[in-house]
Each structure stands twice: as C-alpha cells, then as structure tokens.
Protein backbone atom coordinates (compact mmCIF):
# COMPACT_ATOMS: atom_id res chain seq x y z
CA UNK A 1 14.06 1.15 -22.27
CA UNK A 2 17.79 1.84 -22.57
CA UNK A 3 19.34 3.86 -19.77
CA UNK A 4 19.82 7.61 -20.14
CA UNK A 5 23.39 8.71 -19.51
CA UNK A 6 23.85 11.97 -17.57
CA UNK A 7 27.20 13.35 -16.46
CA UNK A 8 27.82 13.50 -12.72
CA UNK A 9 28.22 17.28 -12.68
CA UNK A 10 24.92 17.85 -14.47
CA UNK A 11 23.10 15.24 -12.39
CA UNK A 12 24.34 16.60 -9.04
CA UNK A 13 23.49 20.15 -10.01
CA UNK A 14 20.03 19.14 -11.20
CA UNK A 15 19.41 17.56 -7.81
CA UNK A 16 20.67 20.72 -6.09
CA UNK A 17 18.13 22.75 -8.08
CA UNK A 18 15.26 20.40 -7.21
CA UNK A 19 13.30 19.82 -4.03
CA UNK A 20 13.14 16.48 -2.22
CA UNK A 21 10.52 15.29 -4.72
CA UNK A 22 12.79 15.91 -7.72
CA UNK A 23 10.68 18.93 -8.71
CA UNK A 24 12.14 22.34 -9.63
CA UNK A 25 10.25 24.72 -7.33
CA UNK A 26 12.18 27.81 -8.34
CA UNK A 27 11.84 31.58 -8.14
CA UNK A 28 12.72 33.83 -11.09
CA UNK A 29 13.87 37.40 -10.66
CA UNK A 30 16.34 37.94 -13.50
CA UNK A 31 14.46 40.83 -15.10
CA UNK A 32 16.77 43.68 -16.01
CA UNK A 33 15.29 46.43 -18.18
CA UNK A 34 11.74 45.50 -17.16
CA UNK A 35 12.73 45.54 -13.46
CA UNK A 36 13.95 49.11 -13.81
CA UNK A 37 10.70 50.08 -15.57
CA UNK A 38 8.58 48.46 -12.84
CA UNK A 39 10.42 50.28 -10.08
CA UNK A 40 10.37 53.63 -11.90
CA UNK A 41 6.62 53.29 -12.49
CA UNK A 42 5.98 52.54 -8.83
CA UNK A 43 8.55 54.72 -7.04
CA UNK A 44 8.47 57.59 -9.53
CA UNK A 45 10.97 58.41 -12.26
CA UNK A 46 12.48 61.27 -10.26
CA UNK A 47 12.95 59.22 -7.06
CA UNK A 48 14.33 56.03 -8.62
CA UNK A 49 18.00 55.11 -8.39
CA UNK A 50 19.82 51.91 -9.36
CA UNK A 51 20.45 50.97 -5.71
CA UNK A 52 16.70 50.29 -5.44
CA UNK A 53 16.92 47.52 -8.02
CA UNK A 54 19.87 45.98 -6.18
CA UNK A 55 18.03 46.19 -2.86
CA UNK A 56 14.74 44.84 -4.19
CA UNK A 57 16.39 41.73 -5.60
CA UNK A 58 18.51 41.32 -2.49
CA UNK A 59 15.47 41.26 -0.20
CA UNK A 60 13.37 39.01 -2.46
CA UNK A 61 16.24 36.53 -2.62
CA UNK A 62 17.02 36.68 1.09
CA UNK A 63 13.43 36.17 2.21
CA UNK A 64 11.90 33.85 -0.40
CA UNK A 65 14.78 31.43 -1.05
CA UNK A 66 14.00 29.92 2.36
CA UNK A 67 10.96 28.31 0.70
CA UNK A 68 12.11 27.46 -2.86
CA UNK A 69 14.49 24.91 -4.36
CA UNK A 70 16.37 27.45 -6.52
CA UNK A 71 16.46 31.05 -7.68
CA UNK A 72 17.12 32.52 -11.13
CA UNK A 73 19.06 35.78 -10.99
CA UNK A 74 21.09 38.04 -13.25
CA UNK A 75 24.43 39.33 -12.02
CA UNK A 76 23.90 42.86 -13.37
CA UNK A 77 21.13 43.83 -10.91
CA UNK A 78 21.02 40.69 -8.79
CA UNK A 79 24.57 40.39 -7.42
CA UNK A 80 23.38 41.29 -3.91
CA UNK A 81 20.59 38.72 -4.27
CA UNK A 82 23.20 36.11 -5.21
CA UNK A 83 25.11 36.85 -2.01
CA UNK A 84 22.00 36.73 0.20
CA UNK A 85 20.22 33.62 -1.12
CA UNK A 86 19.58 30.71 1.24
CA UNK A 87 22.50 28.26 1.14
CA UNK A 88 20.17 25.34 0.42
CA UNK A 89 18.67 26.93 -2.69
CA UNK A 90 20.32 26.30 -6.05
CA UNK A 91 21.43 29.21 -8.22
CA UNK A 92 20.55 29.66 -11.90
CA UNK A 93 22.25 32.59 -13.63
CA UNK A 94 21.12 34.39 -16.77
CA UNK A 95 23.61 33.94 -19.61
CA UNK A 96 21.94 35.93 -22.38
CA UNK A 97 21.98 39.63 -23.14
CA UNK A 98 18.63 41.18 -22.32
CA UNK A 99 16.40 42.12 -25.26
CA UNK A 100 17.38 41.88 -28.93
CA UNK A 101 18.58 44.10 -31.77
CA UNK A 102 15.41 45.51 -33.35
CA UNK A 103 17.32 46.46 -36.50
CA UNK A 104 18.27 42.85 -37.27
CA UNK A 105 15.49 40.52 -38.49
CA UNK A 106 14.70 37.45 -36.40
CA UNK A 107 15.19 38.61 -32.79
CA UNK A 108 18.53 36.79 -32.67
CA UNK A 109 19.88 35.66 -29.27
CA UNK A 110 23.21 36.85 -27.93
CA UNK A 111 25.19 35.69 -24.90
CA UNK A 112 26.79 38.08 -22.42
CA UNK A 113 30.13 38.95 -24.02
CA UNK A 114 32.02 38.97 -20.71
CA UNK A 115 30.71 35.59 -19.50
CA UNK A 116 31.26 31.89 -20.12
CA UNK A 117 29.76 28.88 -18.42
CA UNK A 118 33.07 28.27 -16.63
CA UNK A 119 32.89 31.81 -15.27
CA UNK A 120 29.29 31.35 -14.13
CA UNK A 121 30.29 28.18 -12.28
CA UNK A 122 33.01 30.13 -10.45
CA UNK A 123 30.31 32.61 -9.40
CA UNK A 124 28.32 29.79 -7.82
CA UNK A 125 25.91 28.88 -10.62
CA UNK A 126 24.30 25.43 -10.61
CA UNK A 127 22.77 26.12 -14.04
CA UNK A 128 22.65 28.77 -16.75
CA UNK A 129 19.48 30.14 -18.32
CA UNK A 130 19.22 31.41 -21.88
CA UNK A 131 16.13 33.06 -23.37
CA UNK A 132 15.59 32.56 -27.10
CA UNK A 133 12.79 34.29 -29.03
CA UNK A 134 11.49 31.71 -31.48
CA UNK A 135 9.01 31.64 -34.33
CA UNK A 136 8.69 28.22 -36.01
CA UNK A 137 7.35 30.07 -39.07
CA UNK A 138 10.45 32.23 -39.54
CA UNK A 139 12.48 31.86 -42.77
CA UNK A 140 14.99 29.01 -42.82
CA UNK A 141 18.00 31.35 -42.63
CA UNK A 142 16.73 32.79 -39.32
CA UNK A 143 15.95 29.37 -37.89
CA UNK A 144 19.35 28.02 -38.94
CA UNK A 145 21.09 30.77 -36.95
CA UNK A 146 19.08 29.95 -33.83
CA UNK A 147 19.53 26.19 -34.18
CA UNK A 148 23.30 26.62 -34.60
CA UNK A 149 23.31 28.94 -31.56
CA UNK A 150 21.56 26.25 -29.50
CA UNK A 151 23.98 23.56 -30.68
CA UNK A 152 26.98 25.67 -29.61
CA UNK A 153 25.34 26.43 -26.27
CA UNK A 154 24.59 22.75 -25.67
CA UNK A 155 28.17 21.73 -26.44
CA UNK A 156 29.57 24.40 -24.12
CA UNK A 157 27.28 23.16 -21.33
CA UNK A 158 28.45 19.58 -21.90
CA UNK A 159 32.09 20.66 -21.73
CA UNK A 160 31.51 22.72 -18.58
CA UNK A 161 29.38 19.93 -17.06
CA UNK A 162 26.57 22.27 -16.04
CA UNK A 163 22.84 22.10 -16.87
CA UNK A 164 21.43 24.64 -19.28
CA UNK A 165 17.84 25.91 -19.02
CA UNK A 166 16.53 27.30 -22.31
CA UNK A 167 13.49 29.59 -22.37
CA UNK A 168 11.86 29.83 -25.81
CA UNK A 169 9.40 32.71 -26.13
CA UNK A 170 7.22 32.40 -29.23
CA UNK A 171 6.26 35.32 -31.46
CA UNK A 172 4.73 36.09 -34.83
CA UNK A 173 5.97 38.55 -37.42
CA UNK A 174 2.50 39.70 -38.48
CA UNK A 175 0.52 39.59 -35.22
CA UNK A 176 2.70 41.68 -32.96
CA UNK A 177 0.28 41.97 -30.01
CA UNK A 178 1.05 38.76 -28.14
CA UNK A 179 -1.85 39.38 -25.71
CA UNK A 180 -4.51 39.62 -28.42
CA UNK A 181 -7.22 37.07 -29.31
CA UNK A 182 -5.61 36.79 -32.76
CA UNK A 183 -2.32 35.70 -31.20
CA UNK A 184 -4.19 33.39 -28.81
CA UNK A 185 -5.46 31.43 -31.82
CA UNK A 186 -1.99 30.75 -33.24
CA UNK A 187 -0.04 30.39 -29.99
CA UNK A 188 -0.77 26.68 -29.25
CA UNK A 189 0.69 25.46 -32.53
CA UNK A 190 3.73 27.71 -32.18
CA UNK A 191 4.44 26.51 -28.62
CA UNK A 192 3.97 22.85 -29.54
CA UNK A 193 6.23 23.09 -32.60
CA UNK A 194 8.85 24.97 -30.58
CA UNK A 195 8.90 22.28 -27.87
CA UNK A 196 9.19 19.62 -30.57
CA UNK A 197 12.27 21.38 -31.98
CA UNK A 198 13.99 22.37 -28.73
CA UNK A 199 13.81 18.91 -27.16
CA UNK A 200 15.74 17.36 -30.06
CA UNK A 201 18.88 15.61 -28.77
CA UNK A 202 21.42 17.68 -30.74
CA UNK A 203 20.76 20.73 -28.54
CA UNK A 204 21.52 18.96 -25.24
CA UNK A 205 19.05 21.21 -23.40
CA UNK A 206 18.63 19.93 -19.85
CA UNK A 207 15.46 21.83 -18.90
CA UNK A 208 13.05 23.62 -21.17
CA UNK A 209 11.47 26.63 -19.46
CA UNK A 210 8.27 27.04 -21.47
CA UNK A 211 5.16 29.16 -21.71
CA UNK A 212 1.85 27.43 -21.20
CA UNK A 213 0.52 26.68 -24.71
CA UNK A 214 -2.53 28.98 -24.49
CA UNK A 215 -3.30 32.51 -23.42
CA UNK A 216 -5.18 31.40 -20.35
CA UNK A 217 -7.41 34.46 -20.03
CA UNK A 218 -9.07 33.39 -23.30
CA UNK A 219 -10.06 29.93 -22.00
CA UNK A 220 -13.81 29.59 -21.51
CA UNK A 221 -14.60 29.83 -17.80
CA UNK A 222 -11.35 31.65 -17.03
CA UNK A 223 -11.81 34.55 -19.47
CA UNK A 224 -13.43 37.06 -17.04
CA UNK A 225 -15.17 39.25 -19.60
CA UNK A 226 -12.80 38.59 -22.49
CA UNK A 227 -13.92 36.69 -25.57
CA UNK A 228 -13.35 32.93 -25.26
CA UNK A 229 -10.88 31.70 -27.89
CA UNK A 230 -10.64 28.14 -26.54
CA UNK A 231 -13.11 25.81 -24.88
CA UNK A 232 -11.75 24.08 -21.78
CA UNK A 233 -11.60 20.84 -23.77
CA UNK A 234 -9.48 22.48 -26.48
CA UNK A 235 -7.16 24.08 -23.92
CA UNK A 236 -6.76 20.73 -22.14
CA UNK A 237 -5.80 19.07 -25.43
CA UNK A 238 -3.17 21.74 -26.11
CA UNK A 239 -1.62 21.29 -22.65
CA UNK A 240 -1.49 17.51 -23.13
CA UNK A 241 -0.15 17.75 -26.68
CA UNK A 242 2.63 20.15 -25.68
CA UNK A 243 3.58 17.88 -22.78
CA UNK A 244 3.52 14.67 -24.83
CA UNK A 245 5.76 16.12 -27.55
CA UNK A 246 8.57 16.94 -25.08
CA UNK A 247 11.38 14.40 -24.85
CA UNK A 248 13.21 16.38 -22.16
CA UNK A 249 12.01 17.74 -18.81
CA UNK A 250 10.15 21.05 -18.96
CA UNK A 251 8.98 23.59 -16.41
CA UNK A 252 6.53 26.49 -16.73
CA UNK A 253 7.32 30.18 -16.48
CA UNK A 254 4.73 32.59 -15.16
CA UNK A 255 5.09 35.01 -18.14
CA UNK A 256 3.96 38.00 -16.11
CA UNK A 257 0.42 36.74 -15.45
CA UNK A 258 -1.27 37.60 -12.14
CA UNK A 259 -0.70 35.27 -9.18
CA UNK A 260 -4.19 33.77 -9.29
CA UNK A 261 -3.95 33.06 -13.03
CA UNK A 262 -0.59 31.29 -12.65
CA UNK A 263 -2.10 29.05 -9.97
CA UNK A 264 -5.05 28.29 -12.27
CA UNK A 265 -2.72 27.45 -15.16
CA UNK A 266 -0.67 25.03 -13.08
CA UNK A 267 -3.71 23.26 -11.67
CA UNK A 268 -5.35 23.05 -15.09
CA UNK A 269 -2.15 21.65 -16.63
CA UNK A 270 -1.83 18.98 -13.95
CA UNK A 271 -5.49 18.02 -14.07
CA UNK A 272 -5.28 17.47 -17.82
CA UNK A 273 -2.18 15.32 -18.03
CA UNK A 274 0.68 17.78 -18.55
CA UNK A 275 3.82 16.21 -17.04
CA UNK A 276 5.65 19.34 -16.02
CA UNK A 277 8.62 19.12 -13.67
CA UNK A 278 8.21 22.39 -11.83
CA UNK A 279 8.24 26.13 -12.35
CA UNK A 280 10.35 29.22 -12.52
CA UNK A 281 7.79 31.62 -11.08
CA UNK A 282 8.60 35.29 -11.52
CA UNK A 283 6.26 38.26 -11.29
CA UNK A 284 3.34 36.04 -10.26
CA UNK A 285 5.30 35.50 -7.02
CA UNK A 286 6.73 38.92 -6.17
CA UNK A 287 5.22 41.63 -8.44
CA UNK A 288 2.96 43.19 -5.78
CA UNK A 289 6.07 43.58 -3.64
CA UNK A 290 7.18 46.40 -5.96
CA UNK A 291 4.38 48.62 -4.66
CA UNK A 292 5.04 47.50 -1.09
CA UNK A 293 8.66 48.61 -1.57
CA UNK A 294 7.63 51.93 -3.13
CA UNK A 295 5.31 52.71 -0.20
CA UNK A 296 7.26 51.26 2.73
CA UNK A 297 10.86 50.98 1.60
CA UNK A 298 13.05 48.15 2.85
CA UNK A 299 10.89 47.39 5.90
CA UNK A 300 7.66 47.52 3.90
CA UNK A 301 8.99 45.06 1.34
CA UNK A 302 10.35 42.71 3.99
CA UNK A 303 6.99 42.67 5.74
CA UNK A 304 5.21 41.93 2.43
CA UNK A 305 7.67 39.16 1.58
CA UNK A 306 7.27 37.56 5.01
CA UNK A 307 3.47 37.46 4.62
CA UNK A 308 1.98 37.67 1.11
CA UNK A 309 5.18 36.72 -0.71
CA UNK A 310 5.70 33.68 1.48
CA UNK A 311 2.06 32.67 1.05
CA UNK A 312 2.41 32.95 -2.76
CA UNK A 313 5.42 30.61 -2.70
CA UNK A 314 3.83 28.13 -0.31
CA UNK A 315 0.68 27.97 -2.45
CA UNK A 316 2.83 27.21 -5.48
CA UNK A 317 4.69 24.54 -3.52
CA UNK A 318 1.39 22.89 -2.63
CA UNK A 319 0.27 22.89 -6.27
CA UNK A 320 3.60 21.37 -7.32
CA UNK A 321 3.28 18.73 -4.60
CA UNK A 322 -0.05 17.73 -6.07
CA UNK A 323 0.63 17.94 -9.80
CA UNK A 324 4.32 18.20 -10.77
CA UNK A 325 6.44 15.18 -11.70
CA UNK A 326 10.18 14.73 -10.95
CA UNK A 327 12.51 15.92 -13.71
CA UNK A 328 14.04 12.45 -13.97
CA UNK A 329 10.68 10.79 -14.67
CA UNK A 330 11.07 12.01 -18.27
CA UNK A 331 13.88 9.45 -18.51
CA UNK A 332 12.01 6.63 -16.78
CA UNK A 333 12.98 7.49 -13.19
CA UNK A 334 16.25 7.54 -11.25
CA UNK A 335 16.70 3.80 -11.77
CA UNK A 336 16.90 4.41 -15.50
CA UNK A 337 19.65 7.05 -15.32
CA UNK A 338 23.29 6.09 -15.61
CA UNK A 339 25.51 8.76 -14.06
CA UNK A 340 29.01 8.94 -15.53
CA UNK A 341 32.12 10.99 -14.82
CA UNK A 342 32.64 13.33 -17.76
CA UNK A 343 36.36 13.85 -17.04
CA UNK A 344 37.18 10.17 -17.50
C-alpha cells in the first residue's frame, strides 16, 4: 500500500479533533433556525428572546466539552459557546448558510457570504463543516452544480490547510416525507451512492459526516409498533455496504433521533462491521435539556447537563471505545501516513 500524504496543518487539526484513540467523539450544536423553534416551543413564543439561544449553547458547550473531543458550533447563535468551550476540545465551525432556497430546484448549497476558511481559522476553528442536501437521482445539471461546489470547497480547504467535514443529507423529489416507510425503502441505496460519490478524491473531503443508511425505527426488532421495512440481516448488510464503499473516514450524525435510538444505531453498526471513526452527536445528546432550561432556567439546565447530559456523553464515549475505529485506519494506520508541510 502506498503512503497517504496529508498536510501537517490538516493532520495536526485532525488529531486535535480526535480523542486519544484517534476517534472523533464530538458534540454537535450548530442548529440555527431549528434551535430557535425548539426553544420557542418549549419556553413559549411570547417568552422567548434571542439571548436564550445564546445562553443555551453557551451552557451546553461549557459543561459538555469537558467530556468530548470536539464541538460543532455556528457563530451566529453559538459565539458564547465558542468562548466557553473546554480548551482541550477541538472546534468545528459551520460554514454553510442554513436551509436552502425553496424557489430554486435542487436544494443548492451556499456558503456564508461573510466567511472564508481563513477567517474561520482566525476565529479558532480546527475544521469547517458544510451540509449539502444530495439526491443521487437528481438531474445531471443539479448534480454538476453540487459536484463543482464540492471541488471548490475542497480546494479552498487544501489552500487554507484545514480539514473540511461534509454532511450529505439525502432526499427524494417525489417522496417528501423522509420519515415514512416509503422513504425508508429507498434510503439505503441513496446513502450508499452518496458516500460512493463524496469520497471520490477530487473533492478532498477529510471527514464525511453521514446518516446511518436506514431509518432505524423500521428495522425489525427495533420498530416499536411501526411496520418493519428491513430485517436485521438486511439492515446489517446496508451498514456494511455503506462502510465498505467509503474511501475516506466517516462519522455518524444523530439526525434528531432519540438518545436510546442513537445508541442502538451505533452498537448495531459496530456489531455488523461498519468502520466508523466517531460521531457528531447533536439532539440525541442535549435535546431534553431544552425542557430543563424552559422549566429551570440557567440553573436547571446546568443541573441537567451535569447529570443526564454528562451521562449521555459518557455512554456514547463507551460505545465509541468499543466499536469506533481511528480516522487514520482508513489510510492503513498512522504508519502509512506521510505528513508534509504544505507551505514548502
């Protein structure tokens, strides 16, 4: 196997984002519009103010980054969280505009107009994250725009010498309910084909932040009253297939599933041969803290974070200890990586 060349800046930052096992045990709280909706629903529309979003992210970051290897934040609502994170935890910053223009076909991605990767580095970022909605069945003209976008992003990240995490979220133009049994049937192929595309070398994506390839609450034995779309054997094959197709390290996102379900997904993936290199766990880690904050304010949230929130993170860390593989194992291990100085 020929050695994989990684620039020193990217390599050092990847290590900063990983735990001592080379696994990305990271917390995600970069929600913007959806964070406001969650707080309004819990606190009450009439009582909500923007300072609550700032404070919620600040406290989650301050308390939970003691136990994770990195945190994903947005600057818009998370600037206080950036300032209060644990010094040992790496920082991943969102680089894309939230949402998409519903009047333009294809859910096209757009970067924050006032940012660049050089600017994110100056703000302390160890990596940038970009979400891209992706449908492998879209017309060629839509796919071409997204592929060109990814190529430009990859080249900017190479020039800035910073890792880029790309988060593809699959969708379908006909089946719009992405929680339905109909979507569950087509999701595995879409996720697998998306991973195949996004791990191609021309995009220079350092970490793929992916959905699990099934809707887990439709797996037989885990469906809790819902119709079973997949047998456990079929689900296991999809996890393995999606993992085997990846030529770059990938981590799982929690995609808004309940805490227990995220734990089940991670264990199931590991037990069936998926070589994932960690997680960016979002609402499955801290979502119940929104109600704790609504009921008890700052002190109520801090108490929840110090007990249930911490327990959620430590459970995830245990699962990762058992099942996750170091990010550099995708390249044959540290001994097979050649680190070079990009400015030479």
